Amino acid sequence: MKYYIHCFKNYAKFSGRASRTEYWYFVLFNTLISLIPTVLVIQSGGRLDELMVVSYLYSLVAFLPGLAVGVRRMHDVGKSGWFILIPIYNLILALTKSDEGANEFG
């Protein structure tokens, strides 16, 4: 959970690096938190419109920290943050081991 909170504290920091652990814990907790309102709406038969609004608001709030940690993860493997826009390749890079030592991104 500390990595998730760390990502929100650095919500607009696109420089530097993010470890695999930091990135994947953010993805895990973000997914779990996003699923809670969705599951509650499905169980209620789709009648909780207010809960879906909360879910949409959370998605808007979590978008920028998610983007920032993704860019920092690309930096950690020695690639430009723009590689996050390439669908399959960015997943491969997110799973790749970090560059040892310093690289051009930190």
PDB file of N, CA and C in Angstrom:
ATOM      1  N   MET A   1       0.820  -1.198   0.000  1.00  0.00           N
ATOM      2  CA  MET A   1       0.000   0.000   0.000  1.00  0.00           C
ATOM      3  C   MET A   1       0.868   1.268   0.000  1.00  0.00           C
ATOM      4  N   LYS A   2       2.107   1.148   0.542  1.00  0.00           N
ATOM      5  CA  LYS A   2       2.972   2.333   0.579  1.00  0.00           C
ATOM      6  C   LYS A   2       3.338   2.794  -0.827  1.00  0.00           C
ATOM      7  N   TYR A   3       3.465   1.861  -1.761  1.00  0.00           N
ATOM      8  CA  TYR A   3       3.790   2.243  -3.142  1.00  0.00           C
ATOM      9  C   TYR A   3       2.618   2.971  -3.794  1.00  0.00           C
ATOM     10  N   TYR A   4       1.417   2.542  -3.475  1.00  0.00           N
ATOM     11  CA  TYR A   4       0.210   3.181  -4.008  1.00  0.00           C
ATOM     12  C   TYR A   4       0.135   4.630  -3.525  1.00  0.00           C
ATOM     13  N   ILE A   5       0.350   4.825  -2.236  1.00  0.00           N
ATOM     14  CA  ILE A   5       0.320   6.168  -1.668  1.00  0.00           C
ATOM     15  C   ILE A   5       1.473   6.998  -2.224  1.00  0.00           C
ATOM     16  N   HIS A   6       2.630   6.371  -2.398  1.00  0.00           N
ATOM     17  CA  HIS A   6       3.791   7.070  -2.965  1.00  0.00           C
ATOM     18  C   HIS A   6       3.475   7.590  -4.363  1.00  0.00           C
ATOM     19  N   CYS A   7       2.752   6.819  -5.145  1.00  0.00           N
ATOM     20  CA  CYS A   7       2.394   7.261  -6.505  1.00  0.00           C
ATOM     21  C   CYS A   7       1.467   8.469  -6.466  1.00  0.00           C
ATOM     22  N   PHE A   8       0.552   8.504  -5.499  1.00  0.00           N
ATOM     23  CA  PHE A   8      -0.336   9.657  -5.395  1.00  0.00           C
ATOM     24  C   PHE A   8       0.402  10.882  -4.874  1.00  0.00           C
ATOM     25  N   LYS A   9       1.416  10.680  -4.032  1.00  0.00           N
ATOM     26  CA  LYS A   9       2.206  11.815  -3.574  1.00  0.00           C
ATOM     27  C   LYS A   9       3.036  12.400  -4.718  1.00  0.00           C
ATOM     28  N   ASN A  10       3.449  11.558  -5.654  1.00  0.00           N
ATOM     29  CA  ASN A  10       4.221  11.991  -6.826  1.00  0.00           C
ATOM     30  C   ASN A  10       3.347  11.968  -8.078  1.00  0.00           C
ATOM     31  N   TYR A  11       2.119  12.439  -7.933  1.00  0.00           N
ATOM     32  CA  TYR A  11       1.126  12.279  -8.993  1.00  0.00           C
ATOM     33  C   TYR A  11       1.487  12.962 -10.303  1.00  0.00           C
ATOM     34  N   ALA A  12       2.313  13.982 -10.272  1.00  0.00           N
ATOM     35  CA  ALA A  12       2.659  14.680 -11.511  1.00  0.00           C
ATOM     36  C   ALA A  12       4.164  14.668 -11.760  1.00  0.00           C
ATOM     37  N   LYS A  13       4.862  13.738 -11.158  1.00  0.00           N
ATOM     38  CA  LYS A  13       6.308  13.647 -11.341  1.00  0.00           C
ATOM     39  C   LYS A  13       6.585  12.659 -12.473  1.00  0.00           C
ATOM     40  N   PHE A  14       6.941  13.194 -13.623  1.00  0.00           N
ATOM     41  CA  PHE A  14       7.195  12.363 -14.790  1.00  0.00           C
ATOM     42  C   PHE A  14       8.686  12.115 -15.006  1.00  0.00           C
ATOM     43  N   SER A  15       9.525  12.668 -14.139  1.00  0.00           N
ATOM     44  CA  SER A  15      10.960  12.431 -14.251  1.00  0.00           C
ATOM     45  C   SER A  15      11.373  11.408 -13.205  1.00  0.00           C
ATOM     46  N   GLY A  16      12.496  10.797 -13.429  1.00  0.00           N
ATOM     47  CA  GLY A  16      12.976   9.797 -12.490  1.00  0.00           C
ATOM     48  C   GLY A  16      12.556   8.397 -12.905  1.00  0.00           C
ATOM     49  N   ARG A  17      12.637   7.491 -11.933  1.00  0.00           N
ATOM     50  CA  ARG A  17      12.398   6.082 -12.228  1.00  0.00           C
ATOM     51  C   ARG A  17      11.428   5.485 -11.221  1.00  0.00           C
ATOM     52  N   ALA A  18      10.726   4.429 -11.634  1.00  0.00           N
ATOM     53  CA  ALA A  18       9.830   3.678 -10.755  1.00  0.00           C
ATOM     54  C   ALA A  18      10.164   2.196 -10.908  1.00  0.00           C
ATOM     55  N   SER A  19      10.354   1.527  -9.801  1.00  0.00           N
ATOM     56  CA  SER A  19      10.696   0.105  -9.838  1.00  0.00           C
ATOM     57  C   SER A  19       9.506  -0.728 -10.301  1.00  0.00           C
ATOM     58  N   ARG A  20       9.785  -1.974 -10.633  1.00  0.00           N
ATOM     59  CA  ARG A  20       8.703  -2.895 -10.992  1.00  0.00           C
ATOM     60  C   ARG A  20       7.717  -3.020  -9.848  1.00  0.00           C
ATOM     61  N   THR A  21       8.251  -3.121  -8.632  1.00  0.00           N
ATOM     62  CA  THR A  21       7.397  -3.278  -7.457  1.00  0.00           C
ATOM     63  C   THR A  21       6.455  -2.096  -7.305  1.00  0.00           C
ATOM     64  N   GLU A  22       6.992  -0.891  -7.404  1.00  0.00           N
ATOM     65  CA  GLU A  22       6.159   0.310  -7.270  1.00  0.00           C
ATOM     66  C   GLU A  22       5.066   0.327  -8.332  1.00  0.00           C
ATOM     67  N   TYR A  23       5.447   0.062  -9.566  1.00  0.00           N
ATOM     68  CA  TYR A  23       4.480   0.094 -10.663  1.00  0.00           C
ATOM     69  C   TYR A  23       3.388  -0.953 -10.475  1.00  0.00           C
ATOM     70  N   TRP A  24       3.757  -2.203 -10.216  1.00  0.00           N
ATOM     71  CA  TRP A  24       2.764  -3.265 -10.159  1.00  0.00           C
ATOM     72  C   TRP A  24       1.900  -3.210  -8.903  1.00  0.00           C
ATOM     73  N   TYR A  25       2.439  -2.704  -7.788  1.00  0.00           N
ATOM     74  CA  TYR A  25       1.578  -2.499  -6.619  1.00  0.00           C
ATOM     75  C   TYR A  25       0.567  -1.394  -6.881  1.00  0.00           C
ATOM     76  N   PHE A  26       0.969  -0.353  -7.591  1.00  0.00           N
ATOM     77  CA  PHE A  26       0.006   0.682  -7.949  1.00  0.00           C
ATOM     78  C   PHE A  26      -1.092   0.094  -8.832  1.00  0.00           C
ATOM     79  N   VAL A  27      -0.709  -0.697  -9.815  1.00  0.00           N
ATOM     80  CA  VAL A  27      -1.696  -1.317 -10.704  1.00  0.00           C
ATOM     81  C   VAL A  27      -2.636  -2.228  -9.910  1.00  0.00           C
ATOM     82  N   LEU A  28      -2.090  -3.025  -8.996  1.00  0.00           N
ATOM     83  CA  LEU A  28      -2.900  -3.931  -8.188  1.00  0.00           C
ATOM     84  C   LEU A  28      -3.923  -3.184  -7.342  1.00  0.00           C
ATOM     85  N   PHE A  29      -3.472  -2.223  -6.540  1.00  0.00           N
ATOM     86  CA  PHE A  29      -4.394  -1.505  -5.664  1.00  0.00           C
ATOM     87  C   PHE A  29      -5.369  -0.642  -6.454  1.00  0.00           C
ATOM     88  N   ASN A  30      -4.935  -0.064  -7.546  1.00  0.00           N
ATOM     89  CA  ASN A  30      -5.823   0.726  -8.389  1.00  0.00           C
ATOM     90  C   ASN A  30      -6.937  -0.154  -8.962  1.00  0.00           C
ATOM     91  N   THR A  31      -6.587  -1.343  -9.400  1.00  0.00           N
ATOM     92  CA  THR A  31      -7.586  -2.268  -9.940  1.00  0.00           C
ATOM     93  C   THR A  31      -8.567  -2.706  -8.859  1.00  0.00           C
ATOM     94  N   LEU A  32      -8.061  -3.050  -7.688  1.00  0.00           N
ATOM     95  CA  LEU A  32      -8.942  -3.483  -6.600  1.00  0.00           C
ATOM     96  C   LEU A  32      -9.899  -2.371  -6.170  1.00  0.00           C
ATOM     97  N   ILE A  33      -9.383  -1.164  -6.027  1.00  0.00           N
ATOM     98  CA  ILE A  33     -10.244  -0.042  -5.630  1.00  0.00           C
ATOM     99  C   ILE A  33     -11.262   0.268  -6.710  1.00  0.00           C
ATOM    100  N   SER A  34     -10.892   0.133  -7.961  1.00  0.00           N
ATOM    101  CA  SER A  34     -11.824   0.389  -9.063  1.00  0.00           C
ATOM    102  C   SER A  34     -12.916  -0.671  -9.152  1.00  0.00           C
ATOM    103  N   LEU A  35     -12.595  -1.887  -8.752  1.00  0.00           N
ATOM    104  CA  LEU A  35     -13.575  -2.968  -8.857  1.00  0.00           C
ATOM    105  C   LEU A  35     -14.659  -2.917  -7.781  1.00  0.00           C
ATOM    106  N   ILE A  36     -14.365  -2.339  -6.646  1.00  0.00           N
ATOM    107  CA  ILE A  36     -15.330  -2.326  -5.536  1.00  0.00           C
ATOM    108  C   ILE A  36     -16.658  -1.681  -5.933  1.00  0.00           C
ATOM    109  N   PRO A  37     -16.681  -0.438  -6.456  1.00  0.00           N
ATOM    110  CA  PRO A  37     -17.976   0.138  -6.845  1.00  0.00           C
ATOM    111  C   PRO A  37     -18.648  -0.628  -7.978  1.00  0.00           C
ATOM    112  N   THR A  38     -17.860  -1.150  -8.878  1.00  0.00           N
ATOM    113  CA  THR A  38     -18.430  -1.894 -10.004  1.00  0.00           C
ATOM    114  C   THR A  38     -19.145  -3.150  -9.522  1.00  0.00           C
ATOM    115  N   VAL A  39     -18.520  -3.871  -8.614  1.00  0.00           N
ATOM    116  CA  VAL A  39     -19.140  -5.089  -8.068  1.00  0.00           C
ATOM    117  C   VAL A  39     -20.414  -4.738  -7.301  1.00  0.00           C
ATOM    118  N   LEU A  40     -20.399  -3.663  -6.536  1.00  0.00           N
ATOM    119  CA  LEU A  40     -21.590  -3.258  -5.783  1.00  0.00           C
ATOM    120  C   LEU A  40     -22.736  -2.870  -6.706  1.00  0.00           C
ATOM    121  N   VAL A  41     -22.428  -2.203  -7.797  1.00  0.00           N
ATOM    122  CA  VAL A  41     -23.469  -1.827  -8.763  1.00  0.00           C
ATOM    123  C   VAL A  41     -24.041  -3.066  -9.435  1.00  0.00           C
ATOM    124  N   ILE A  42     -23.173  -4.016  -9.781  1.00  0.00           N
ATOM    125  CA  ILE A  42     -23.649  -5.250 -10.425  1.00  0.00           C
ATOM    126  C   ILE A  42     -24.544  -6.026  -9.473  1.00  0.00           C
ATOM    127  N   GLN A  43     -24.168  -6.105  -8.186  1.00  0.00           N
ATOM    128  CA  GLN A  43     -24.972  -6.830  -7.210  1.00  0.00           C
ATOM    129  C   GLN A  43     -26.312  -6.157  -6.952  1.00  0.00           C
ATOM    130  N   SER A  44     -26.378  -4.857  -7.108  1.00  0.00           N
ATOM    131  CA  SER A  44     -27.639  -4.151  -6.862  1.00  0.00           C
ATOM    132  C   SER A  44     -28.535  -4.136  -8.093  1.00  0.00           C
ATOM    133  N   GLY A  45     -28.110  -4.720  -9.150  1.00  0.00           N
ATOM    134  CA  GLY A  45     -28.908  -4.727 -10.374  1.00  0.00           C
ATOM    135  C   GLY A  45     -28.733  -3.471 -11.195  1.00  0.00           C
ATOM    136  N   GLY A  46     -27.678  -2.735 -10.955  1.00  0.00           N
ATOM    137  CA  GLY A  46     -27.385  -1.542 -11.752  1.00  0.00           C
ATOM    138  C   GLY A  46     -28.146  -0.309 -11.323  1.00  0.00           C
ATOM    139  N   ARG A  47     -28.663  -0.270 -10.114  1.00  0.00           N
ATOM    140  CA  ARG A  47     -29.481   0.865  -9.676  1.00  0.00           C
ATOM    141  C   ARG A  47     -28.714   1.922  -8.882  1.00  0.00           C
ATOM    142  N   LEU A  48     -27.456   1.744  -8.649  1.00  0.00           N
ATOM    143  CA  LEU A  48     -26.696   2.690  -7.838  1.00  0.00           C
ATOM    144  C   LEU A  48     -25.910   3.654  -8.723  1.00  0.00           C
ATOM    145  N   ASP A  49     -26.624   4.582  -9.331  1.00  0.00           N
ATOM    146  CA  ASP A  49     -25.984   5.536 -10.230  1.00  0.00           C
ATOM    147  C   ASP A  49     -24.971   6.409  -9.501  1.00  0.00           C
ATOM    148  N   GLU A  50     -25.245   6.735  -8.237  1.00  0.00           N
ATOM    149  CA  GLU A  50     -24.315   7.560  -7.467  1.00  0.00           C
ATOM    150  C   GLU A  50     -22.973   6.855  -7.295  1.00  0.00           C
ATOM    151  N   LEU A  51     -23.029   5.542  -7.113  1.00  0.00           N
ATOM    152  CA  LEU A  51     -21.800   4.779  -6.937  1.00  0.00           C
ATOM    153  C   LEU A  51     -20.978   4.758  -8.223  1.00  0.00           C
ATOM    154  N   MET A  52     -21.646   4.721  -9.348  1.00  0.00           N
ATOM    155  CA  MET A  52     -20.920   4.768 -10.617  1.00  0.00           C
ATOM    156  C   MET A  52     -20.283   6.144 -10.824  1.00  0.00           C
ATOM    157  N   VAL A  53     -20.936   7.191 -10.358  1.00  0.00           N
ATOM    158  CA  VAL A  53     -20.336   8.531 -10.439  1.00  0.00           C
ATOM    159  C   VAL A  53     -19.066   8.576  -9.603  1.00  0.00           C
ATOM    160  N   VAL A  54     -19.112   7.972  -8.405  1.00  0.00           N
ATOM    161  CA  VAL A  54     -17.923   7.905  -7.556  1.00  0.00           C
ATOM    162  C   VAL A  54     -16.820   7.114  -8.263  1.00  0.00           C
ATOM    163  N   SER A  55     -17.183   6.044  -8.921  1.00  0.00           N
ATOM    164  CA  SER A  55     -16.215   5.239  -9.651  1.00  0.00           C
ATOM    165  C   SER A  55     -15.573   6.042 -10.783  1.00  0.00           C
ATOM    166  N   TYR A  56     -16.370   6.794 -11.506  1.00  0.00           N
ATOM    167  CA  TYR A  56     -15.839   7.622 -12.588  1.00  0.00           C
ATOM    168  C   TYR A  56     -14.924   8.722 -12.041  1.00  0.00           C
ATOM    169  N   LEU A  57     -15.308   9.323 -10.928  1.00  0.00           N
ATOM    170  CA  LEU A  57     -14.475  10.358 -10.312  1.00  0.00           C
ATOM    171  C   LEU A  57     -13.141   9.781  -9.845  1.00  0.00           C
ATOM    172  N   TYR A  58     -13.185   8.589  -9.252  1.00  0.00           N
ATOM    173  CA  TYR A  58     -11.935   7.950  -8.840  1.00  0.00           C
ATOM    174  C   TYR A  58     -11.044   7.681 -10.055  1.00  0.00           C
ATOM    175  N   SER A  59     -11.642   7.242 -11.138  1.00  0.00           N
ATOM    176  CA  SER A  59     -10.860   6.987 -12.354  1.00  0.00           C
ATOM    177  C   SER A  59     -10.190   8.259 -12.860  1.00  0.00           C
ATOM    178  N   LEU A  60     -10.892   9.374 -12.785  1.00  0.00           N
ATOM    179  CA  LEU A  60     -10.300  10.645 -13.198  1.00  0.00           C
ATOM    180  C   LEU A  60      -9.156  11.049 -12.271  1.00  0.00           C
ATOM    181  N   VAL A  61      -9.340  10.829 -10.969  1.00  0.00           N
ATOM    182  CA  VAL A  61      -8.306  11.192  -9.994  1.00  0.00           C
ATOM    183  C   VAL A  61      -7.072  10.303 -10.164  1.00  0.00           C
ATOM    184  N   ALA A  62      -7.279   9.029 -10.436  1.00  0.00           N
ATOM    185  CA  ALA A  62      -6.166   8.075 -10.520  1.00  0.00           C
ATOM    186  C   ALA A  62      -5.479   8.079 -11.887  1.00  0.00           C
ATOM    187  N   PHE A  63      -6.034   8.775 -12.863  1.00  0.00           N
ATOM    188  CA  PHE A  63      -5.460   8.760 -14.205  1.00  0.00           C
ATOM    189  C   PHE A  63      -4.048   9.348 -14.237  1.00  0.00           C
ATOM    190  N   LEU A  64      -3.871  10.548 -13.680  1.00  0.00           N
ATOM    191  CA  LEU A  64      -2.574  11.212 -13.745  1.00  0.00           C
ATOM    192  C   LEU A  64      -1.492  10.472 -12.949  1.00  0.00           C
ATOM    193  N   PRO A  65      -1.758  10.007 -11.719  1.00  0.00           N
ATOM    194  CA  PRO A  65      -0.729   9.216 -11.034  1.00  0.00           C
ATOM    195  C   PRO A  65      -0.380   7.925 -11.781  1.00  0.00           C
ATOM    196  N   GLY A  66      -1.371   7.293 -12.397  1.00  0.00           N
ATOM    197  CA  GLY A  66      -1.114   6.083 -13.175  1.00  0.00           C
ATOM    198  C   GLY A  66      -0.251   6.352 -14.390  1.00  0.00           C
ATOM    199  N   LEU A  67      -0.527   7.447 -15.043  1.00  0.00           N
ATOM    200  CA  LEU A  67       0.281   7.835 -16.197  1.00  0.00           C
ATOM    201  C   LEU A  67       1.703   8.162 -15.771  1.00  0.00           C
ATOM    202  N   ALA A  68       1.840   8.892 -14.667  1.00  0.00           N
ATOM    203  CA  ALA A  68       3.173   9.282 -14.188  1.00  0.00           C
ATOM    204  C   ALA A  68       3.999   8.070 -13.782  1.00  0.00           C
ATOM    205  N   VAL A  69       3.402   7.121 -13.054  1.00  0.00           N
ATOM    206  CA  VAL A  69       4.163   5.941 -12.644  1.00  0.00           C
ATOM    207  C   VAL A  69       4.500   5.073 -13.855  1.00  0.00           C
ATOM    208  N   GLY A  70       3.641   5.051 -14.859  1.00  0.00           N
ATOM    209  CA  GLY A  70       3.942   4.321 -16.087  1.00  0.00           C
ATOM    210  C   GLY A  70       5.126   4.916 -16.833  1.00  0.00           C
ATOM    211  N   VAL A  71       5.163   6.236 -16.914  1.00  0.00           N
ATOM    212  CA  VAL A  71       6.284   6.914 -17.577  1.00  0.00           C
ATOM    213  C   VAL A  71       7.569   6.675 -16.796  1.00  0.00           C
ATOM    214  N   ARG A  72       7.492   6.778 -15.467  1.00  0.00           N
ATOM    215  CA  ARG A  72       8.693   6.518 -14.663  1.00  0.00           C
ATOM    216  C   ARG A  72       9.147   5.071 -14.794  1.00  0.00           C
ATOM    217  N   ARG A  73       8.205   4.144 -14.980  1.00  0.00           N
ATOM    218  CA  ARG A  73       8.573   2.733 -15.177  1.00  0.00           C
ATOM    219  C   ARG A  73       9.313   2.565 -16.501  1.00  0.00           C
ATOM    220  N   MET A  74       8.865   3.251 -17.544  1.00  0.00           N
ATOM    221  CA  MET A  74       9.572   3.197 -18.832  1.00  0.00           C
ATOM    222  C   MET A  74      10.984   3.756 -18.670  1.00  0.00           C
ATOM    223  N   HIS A  75      11.117   4.808 -17.888  1.00  0.00           N
ATOM    224  CA  HIS A  75      12.444   5.373 -17.632  1.00  0.00           C
ATOM    225  C   HIS A  75      13.331   4.373 -16.910  1.00  0.00           C
ATOM    226  N   ASP A  76      12.753   3.575 -16.027  1.00  0.00           N
ATOM    227  CA  ASP A  76      13.532   2.620 -15.246  1.00  0.00           C
ATOM    228  C   ASP A  76      14.159   1.534 -16.114  1.00  0.00           C
ATOM    229  N   VAL A  77      13.538   1.233 -17.242  1.00  0.00           N
ATOM    230  CA  VAL A  77      14.109   0.229 -18.143  1.00  0.00           C
ATOM    231  C   VAL A  77      14.909   0.885 -19.272  1.00  0.00           C
ATOM    232  N   GLY A  78      15.131   2.203 -19.145  1.00  0.00           N
ATOM    233  CA  GLY A  78      15.990   2.893 -20.103  1.00  0.00           C
ATOM    234  C   GLY A  78      15.295   3.366 -21.356  1.00  0.00           C
ATOM    235  N   LYS A  79      13.981   3.474 -21.334  1.00  0.00           N
ATOM    236  CA  LYS A  79      13.231   3.917 -22.514  1.00  0.00           C
ATOM    237  C   LYS A  79      12.570   5.260 -22.236  1.00  0.00           C
ATOM    238  N   SER A  80      12.200   5.941 -23.289  1.00  0.00           N
ATOM    239  CA  SER A  80      11.466   7.194 -23.167  1.00  0.00           C
ATOM    240  C   SER A  80      10.059   6.912 -22.641  1.00  0.00           C
ATOM    241  N   GLY A  81       9.490   7.878 -21.971  1.00  0.00           N
ATOM    242  CA  GLY A  81       8.126   7.734 -21.465  1.00  0.00           C
ATOM    243  C   GLY A  81       7.093   7.571 -22.563  1.00  0.00           C
ATOM    244  N   TRP A  82       7.419   7.987 -23.762  1.00  0.00           N
ATOM    245  CA  TRP A  82       6.493   7.859 -24.887  1.00  0.00           C
ATOM    246  C   TRP A  82       6.218   6.402 -25.245  1.00  0.00           C
ATOM    247  N   PHE A  83       7.073   5.482 -24.797  1.00  0.00           N
ATOM    248  CA  PHE A  83       6.850   4.066 -25.083  1.00  0.00           C
ATOM    249  C   PHE A  83       5.601   3.536 -24.393  1.00  0.00           C
ATOM    250  N   ILE A  84       5.070   4.281 -23.451  1.00  0.00           N
ATOM    251  CA  ILE A  84       3.846   3.855 -22.784  1.00  0.00           C
ATOM    252  C   ILE A  84       2.659   3.848 -23.762  1.00  0.00           C
ATOM    253  N   LEU A  85       2.810   4.526 -24.876  1.00  0.00           N
ATOM    254  CA  LEU A  85       1.731   4.590 -25.876  1.00  0.00           C
ATOM    255  C   LEU A  85       1.684   3.377 -26.801  1.00  0.00           C
ATOM    256  N   ILE A  86       2.682   2.514 -26.747  1.00  0.00           N
ATOM    257  CA  ILE A  86       2.726   1.328 -27.606  1.00  0.00           C
ATOM    258  C   ILE A  86       2.156   0.157 -26.811  1.00  0.00           C
ATOM    259  N   PRO A  87       0.963  -0.328 -27.153  1.00  0.00           N
ATOM    260  CA  PRO A  87       0.204  -1.240 -26.294  1.00  0.00           C
ATOM    261  C   PRO A  87       0.913  -2.495 -25.788  1.00  0.00           C
ATOM    262  N   ILE A  88       1.396  -3.356 -26.622  1.00  0.00           N
ATOM    263  CA  ILE A  88       1.972  -4.616 -26.146  1.00  0.00           C
ATOM    264  C   ILE A  88       3.398  -4.412 -25.654  1.00  0.00           C
ATOM    265  N   TYR A  89       4.132  -3.573 -26.346  1.00  0.00           N
ATOM    266  CA  TYR A  89       5.537  -3.347 -25.992  1.00  0.00           C
ATOM    267  C   TYR A  89       5.672  -2.727 -24.602  1.00  0.00           C
ATOM    268  N   ASN A  90       4.745  -1.831 -24.222  1.00  0.00           N
ATOM    269  CA  ASN A  90       4.859  -1.233 -22.895  1.00  0.00           C
ATOM    270  C   ASN A  90       4.597  -2.263 -21.795  1.00  0.00           C
ATOM    271  N   LEU A  91       3.773  -3.257 -22.056  1.00  0.00           N
ATOM    272  CA  LEU A  91       3.564  -4.331 -21.085  1.00  0.00           C
ATOM    273  C   LEU A  91       4.839  -5.159 -20.933  1.00  0.00           C
ATOM    274  N   ILE A  92       5.486  -5.446 -22.044  1.00  0.00           N
ATOM    275  CA  ILE A  92       6.757  -6.183 -21.992  1.00  0.00           C
ATOM    276  C   ILE A  92       7.800  -5.382 -21.218  1.00  0.00           C
ATOM    277  N   LEU A  93       7.857  -4.075 -21.480  1.00  0.00           N
ATOM    278  CA  LEU A  93       8.813  -3.232 -20.756  1.00  0.00           C
ATOM    279  C   LEU A  93       8.475  -3.151 -19.269  1.00  0.00           C
ATOM    280  N   ALA A  94       7.196  -3.114 -18.926  1.00  0.00           N
ATOM    281  CA  ALA A  94       6.789  -3.043 -17.517  1.00  0.00           C
ATOM    282  C   ALA A  94       7.170  -4.312 -16.766  1.00  0.00           C
ATOM    283  N   LEU A  95       7.254  -5.422 -17.480  1.00  0.00           N
ATOM    284  CA  LEU A  95       7.643  -6.686 -16.856  1.00  0.00           C
ATOM    285  C   LEU A  95       9.146  -6.904 -16.849  1.00  0.00           C
ATOM    286  N   THR A  96       9.868  -6.090 -17.599  1.00  0.00           N
ATOM    287  CA  THR A  96      11.313  -6.237 -17.736  1.00  0.00           C
ATOM    288  C   THR A  96      12.037  -5.788 -16.477  1.00  0.00           C
ATOM    289  N   LYS A  97      13.143  -6.448 -16.197  1.00  0.00           N
ATOM    290  CA  LYS A  97      13.990  -6.073 -15.057  1.00  0.00           C
ATOM    291  C   LYS A  97      14.555  -4.676 -15.267  1.00  0.00           C
ATOM    292  N   SER A  98      14.722  -3.939 -14.192  1.00  0.00           N
ATOM    293  CA  SER A  98      15.250  -2.571 -14.236  1.00  0.00           C
ATOM    294  C   SER A  98      16.685  -2.547 -14.729  1.00  0.00           C
ATOM    295  N   ASP A  99      17.074  -1.412 -15.309  1.00  0.00           N
ATOM    296  CA  ASP A  99      18.476  -1.194 -15.672  1.00  0.00           C
ATOM    297  C   ASP A  99      19.291  -1.078 -14.391  1.00  0.00           C
ATOM    298  N   GLU A 100      20.405  -1.763 -14.364  1.00  0.00           N
ATOM    299  CA  GLU A 100      21.298  -1.655 -13.213  1.00  0.00           C
ATOM    300  C   GLU A 100      22.041  -0.338 -13.269  1.00  0.00           C
ATOM    301  N   GLY A 101      22.199   0.308 -12.157  1.00  0.00           N
ATOM    302  CA  GLY A 101      22.936   1.573 -12.102  1.00  0.00           C
ATOM    303  C   GLY A 101      22.155   2.711 -12.715  1.00  0.00           C
ATOM    304  N   ALA A 102      22.864   3.778 -12.979  1.00  0.00           N
ATOM    305  CA  ALA A 102      22.233   4.979 -13.525  1.00  0.00           C
ATOM    306  C   ALA A 102      22.026   4.837 -15.023  1.00  0.00           C
ATOM    307  N   ASN A 103      20.971   5.461 -15.514  1.00  0.00           N
ATOM    308  CA  ASN A 103      20.765   5.590 -16.950  1.00  0.00           C
ATOM    309  C   ASN A 103      20.457   7.055 -17.234  1.00  0.00           C
ATOM    310  N   GLU A 104      20.082   7.381 -18.450  1.00  0.00           N
ATOM    311  CA  GLU A 104      19.880   8.781 -18.798  1.00  0.00           C
ATOM    312  C   GLU A 104      18.704   9.422 -18.073  1.00  0.00           C
ATOM    313  N   PHE A 105      17.849   8.614 -17.420  1.00  0.00           N
ATOM    314  CA  PHE A 105      16.671   9.137 -16.740  1.00  0.00           C
ATOM    315  C   PHE A 105      16.845   9.223 -15.229  1.00  0.00           C
ATOM    316  N   GLY A 106      17.970   8.797 -14.733  1.00  0.00           N
ATOM    317  CA  GLY A 106      18.199   8.910 -13.291  1.00  0.00           C
ATOM    318  C   GLY A 106      18.911   7.714 -12.705  1.00  0.00           C
TER     319      GLY A 106
END
